């Protein structure tokens, strides 16, 4: 069943953030949501704009690899800089 709306919990899981973070984004206007009773619901058609600011799994892996490479190549220098 394709639902037209997502709950805050569903969106939080999708984005990999907490429900509190979703509520804060709703309050600040970064996420458009409808309040029905005591709950907020996010229209699926608005998710594209929300997801534009998130990293894909491929991008996360690329960043992780870049960090590992940097630590491998400059580990000693980074340790020395950390002591300053």
N, C-alpha and C. Protein backbone atom coordinates (compact mmCIF):
# COMPACT_ATOMS: atom_id res chain seq x y z
N UNK A 1 0.84 -1.20 0.00
CA UNK A 1 0.00 0.00 0.00
C UNK A 1 0.88 1.25 0.00
N UNK A 2 0.66 2.12 -0.95
CA UNK A 2 1.41 3.36 -1.02
C UNK A 2 0.66 4.44 -0.25
N UNK A 3 1.26 4.86 0.85
CA UNK A 3 0.63 5.89 1.66
C UNK A 3 0.98 7.26 1.10
N UNK A 4 0.05 8.19 1.20
CA UNK A 4 0.29 9.54 0.71
C UNK A 4 1.14 10.33 1.70
N UNK A 5 1.05 10.00 2.99
CA UNK A 5 1.76 10.73 4.03
C UNK A 5 2.66 9.81 4.83
N UNK A 6 3.74 10.39 5.36
CA UNK A 6 4.63 9.68 6.27
C UNK A 6 4.47 10.27 7.66
N UNK A 7 4.63 9.44 8.66
CA UNK A 7 4.64 9.95 10.04
C UNK A 7 6.02 10.50 10.33
N UNK A 8 6.14 11.21 11.44
CA UNK A 8 7.45 11.74 11.83
C UNK A 8 8.42 10.60 12.12
N UNK A 9 7.93 9.51 12.69
CA UNK A 9 8.80 8.36 12.99
C UNK A 9 9.32 7.73 11.69
N UNK A 10 8.44 7.60 10.70
CA UNK A 10 8.85 7.01 9.42
C UNK A 10 9.88 7.89 8.71
N UNK A 11 9.66 9.21 8.75
CA UNK A 11 10.61 10.12 8.11
C UNK A 11 11.94 10.11 8.86
N UNK A 12 11.89 10.06 10.18
CA UNK A 12 13.11 10.02 10.97
C UNK A 12 13.94 8.79 10.60
N UNK A 13 13.29 7.66 10.47
CA UNK A 13 13.99 6.43 10.10
C UNK A 13 14.57 6.54 8.70
N UNK A 14 13.81 7.11 7.79
CA UNK A 14 14.25 7.29 6.41
C UNK A 14 15.49 8.19 6.33
N UNK A 15 15.50 9.25 7.13
CA UNK A 15 16.60 10.21 7.12
C UNK A 15 17.76 9.79 8.02
N UNK A 16 17.50 8.85 8.91
CA UNK A 16 18.55 8.42 9.85
C UNK A 16 18.79 9.43 10.96
N UNK A 17 17.71 10.11 11.35
CA UNK A 17 17.80 11.09 12.45
C UNK A 17 16.71 10.76 13.47
N UNK A 18 16.73 11.47 14.59
CA UNK A 18 15.74 11.22 15.62
C UNK A 18 14.41 11.91 15.30
N UNK A 19 13.34 11.45 15.96
CA UNK A 19 12.04 12.11 15.79
C UNK A 19 12.10 13.55 16.27
N UNK A 20 12.87 13.79 17.33
CA UNK A 20 13.02 15.15 17.85
C UNK A 20 13.63 16.06 16.78
N UNK A 21 14.62 15.54 16.06
CA UNK A 21 15.24 16.32 14.98
C UNK A 21 14.22 16.63 13.89
N UNK A 22 13.34 15.68 13.60
CA UNK A 22 12.29 15.91 12.60
C UNK A 22 11.35 17.01 13.10
N UNK A 23 10.95 16.93 14.37
CA UNK A 23 10.07 17.97 14.93
C UNK A 23 10.73 19.34 14.86
N UNK A 24 12.02 19.42 15.15
CA UNK A 24 12.73 20.70 15.09
C UNK A 24 12.75 21.25 13.66
N UNK A 25 12.94 20.35 12.68
CA UNK A 25 12.94 20.78 11.29
C UNK A 25 11.55 21.24 10.84
N UNK A 26 10.53 20.61 11.37
CA UNK A 26 9.16 21.03 11.07
C UNK A 26 8.91 22.42 11.66
N UNK A 27 9.31 22.59 12.91
CA UNK A 27 9.10 23.87 13.59
C UNK A 27 9.86 25.01 12.90
N UNK A 28 11.07 24.70 12.40
CA UNK A 28 11.86 25.75 11.75
C UNK A 28 11.44 26.00 10.31
N UNK A 29 10.55 25.14 9.78
CA UNK A 29 10.06 25.32 8.42
C UNK A 29 10.87 24.59 7.36
N UNK A 30 11.88 23.83 7.76
CA UNK A 30 12.70 23.09 6.80
C UNK A 30 11.94 21.90 6.22
N UNK A 31 10.98 21.40 6.99
CA UNK A 31 10.14 20.29 6.52
C UNK A 31 8.69 20.76 6.59
N UNK A 32 7.98 20.65 5.46
CA UNK A 32 6.56 21.00 5.43
C UNK A 32 5.77 19.81 5.95
N UNK A 33 4.89 20.06 6.89
CA UNK A 33 4.08 18.98 7.47
C UNK A 33 2.70 19.51 7.82
N UNK A 34 1.75 18.58 7.85
CA UNK A 34 0.38 18.91 8.26
C UNK A 34 0.17 18.35 9.65
N UNK A 35 -0.45 19.15 10.49
CA UNK A 35 -0.77 18.68 11.83
C UNK A 35 -2.22 18.20 11.83
N UNK A 36 -2.38 16.94 12.16
CA UNK A 36 -3.71 16.35 12.25
C UNK A 36 -3.84 15.83 13.68
N UNK A 37 -4.69 16.49 14.43
CA UNK A 37 -4.79 16.15 15.85
C UNK A 37 -3.50 16.54 16.55
N UNK A 38 -2.89 15.57 17.21
CA UNK A 38 -1.62 15.83 17.91
C UNK A 38 -0.42 15.41 17.09
N UNK A 39 -0.64 14.87 15.91
CA UNK A 39 0.44 14.31 15.11
C UNK A 39 0.72 15.12 13.86
N UNK A 40 1.98 15.06 13.42
CA UNK A 40 2.38 15.69 12.16
C UNK A 40 2.52 14.62 11.10
N UNK A 41 2.14 14.97 9.86
CA UNK A 41 2.28 14.06 8.73
C UNK A 41 2.94 14.82 7.60
N UNK A 42 3.86 14.13 6.90
CA UNK A 42 4.63 14.73 5.83
C UNK A 42 4.18 14.13 4.51
N UNK A 43 3.78 14.98 3.58
CA UNK A 43 3.32 14.53 2.26
C UNK A 43 4.50 13.95 1.49
N UNK A 44 4.30 12.79 0.89
CA UNK A 44 5.38 12.12 0.13
C UNK A 44 5.93 12.98 -0.99
N UNK A 45 5.09 13.84 -1.59
CA UNK A 45 5.57 14.66 -2.70
C UNK A 45 6.59 15.70 -2.24
N UNK A 46 6.65 15.98 -0.94
CA UNK A 46 7.62 16.93 -0.40
C UNK A 46 8.93 16.26 0.01
N UNK A 47 8.98 14.96 -0.03
CA UNK A 47 10.17 14.25 0.45
C UNK A 47 11.38 14.50 -0.43
N UNK A 48 11.18 14.65 -1.72
CA UNK A 48 12.31 14.89 -2.63
C UNK A 48 13.17 16.05 -2.18
N UNK A 49 12.55 17.14 -1.81
CA UNK A 49 13.30 18.30 -1.33
C UNK A 49 14.00 18.05 -0.02
N UNK A 50 13.39 17.25 0.81
CA UNK A 50 13.99 16.93 2.11
C UNK A 50 15.21 16.04 1.90
N UNK A 51 15.09 15.06 1.03
CA UNK A 51 16.17 14.10 0.81
C UNK A 51 17.34 14.70 0.06
N UNK A 52 17.13 15.82 -0.63
CA UNK A 52 18.24 16.44 -1.35
C UNK A 52 19.39 16.79 -0.41
N UNK A 53 19.08 17.05 0.84
CA UNK A 53 20.12 17.42 1.79
C UNK A 53 20.75 16.24 2.50
N UNK A 54 20.38 15.02 2.14
CA UNK A 54 20.96 13.86 2.81
C UNK A 54 21.96 13.17 1.90
N UNK A 55 22.82 12.38 2.51
CA UNK A 55 23.83 11.65 1.77
C UNK A 55 23.32 10.28 1.36
N UNK A 56 23.67 9.89 0.17
CA UNK A 56 23.36 8.54 -0.25
C UNK A 56 24.38 7.59 0.36
N UNK A 57 24.08 6.32 0.36
CA UNK A 57 25.00 5.32 0.91
C UNK A 57 26.32 5.34 0.13
N UNK A 58 26.24 5.54 -1.18
CA UNK A 58 27.46 5.61 -2.01
C UNK A 58 28.33 6.79 -1.59
N UNK A 59 27.71 7.95 -1.38
CA UNK A 59 28.46 9.14 -0.96
C UNK A 59 29.09 8.93 0.41
N UNK A 60 28.34 8.30 1.33
CA UNK A 60 28.89 8.03 2.66
C UNK A 60 30.12 7.14 2.56
N UNK A 61 30.05 6.12 1.71
CA UNK A 61 31.19 5.22 1.53
C UNK A 61 32.39 5.96 0.92
N UNK A 62 32.13 6.86 -0.02
CA UNK A 62 33.21 7.64 -0.62
C UNK A 62 33.89 8.52 0.43
N UNK A 63 33.09 9.14 1.29
CA UNK A 63 33.64 9.99 2.35
C UNK A 63 34.44 9.15 3.34
N UNK A 64 33.88 8.00 3.74
CA UNK A 64 34.60 7.11 4.66
C UNK A 64 35.95 6.70 4.08
N UNK A 65 35.98 6.35 2.81
CA UNK A 65 37.24 5.94 2.16
C UNK A 65 38.22 7.10 2.12
N UNK A 66 37.75 8.30 1.84
CA UNK A 66 38.62 9.48 1.81
C UNK A 66 39.22 9.75 3.19
N UNK A 67 38.42 9.58 4.23
CA UNK A 67 38.92 9.79 5.59
C UNK A 67 39.96 8.73 5.93
N UNK A 68 39.68 7.46 5.60
CA UNK A 68 40.65 6.39 5.87
C UNK A 68 41.97 6.66 5.14
N UNK A 69 41.89 7.10 3.88
CA UNK A 69 43.09 7.39 3.11
C UNK A 69 43.89 8.53 3.74
N UNK A 70 43.19 9.57 4.16
CA UNK A 70 43.85 10.71 4.80
C UNK A 70 44.55 10.29 6.09
N UNK A 71 43.88 9.48 6.89
CA UNK A 71 44.47 9.02 8.14
C UNK A 71 45.68 8.13 7.85
N UNK A 72 45.57 7.27 6.84
CA UNK A 72 46.68 6.39 6.46
C UNK A 72 47.90 7.21 6.03
N UNK A 73 47.67 8.23 5.21
CA UNK A 73 48.78 8.99 4.64
C UNK A 73 49.32 10.07 5.57
N UNK A 74 48.45 10.64 6.40
CA UNK A 74 48.86 11.77 7.23
C UNK A 74 48.63 11.52 8.71
N UNK A 75 48.50 10.26 9.10
CA UNK A 75 48.18 9.93 10.48
C UNK A 75 49.12 10.54 11.50
N UNK A 76 50.42 10.40 11.28
CA UNK A 76 51.41 10.92 12.23
C UNK A 76 51.33 12.45 12.32
N UNK A 77 51.17 13.10 11.18
CA UNK A 77 51.05 14.56 11.16
C UNK A 77 49.79 15.00 11.90
N UNK A 78 48.70 14.28 11.70
CA UNK A 78 47.45 14.62 12.39
C UNK A 78 47.60 14.44 13.90
N UNK A 79 48.32 13.39 14.32
CA UNK A 79 48.55 13.19 15.75
C UNK A 79 49.35 14.35 16.34
N UNK A 80 50.38 14.78 15.62
CA UNK A 80 51.19 15.90 16.10
C UNK A 80 50.38 17.18 16.17
N UNK A 81 49.55 17.42 15.17
CA UNK A 81 48.72 18.61 15.18
C UNK A 81 47.70 18.56 16.31
N UNK A 82 47.22 17.37 16.64
CA UNK A 82 46.26 17.22 17.72
C UNK A 82 46.86 17.53 19.08
N UNK A 83 48.18 17.39 19.22
CA UNK A 83 48.85 17.67 20.49
C UNK A 83 49.07 19.15 20.73
N UNK A 84 49.02 19.96 19.64
CA UNK A 84 49.24 21.40 19.78
C UNK A 84 48.10 22.10 20.43
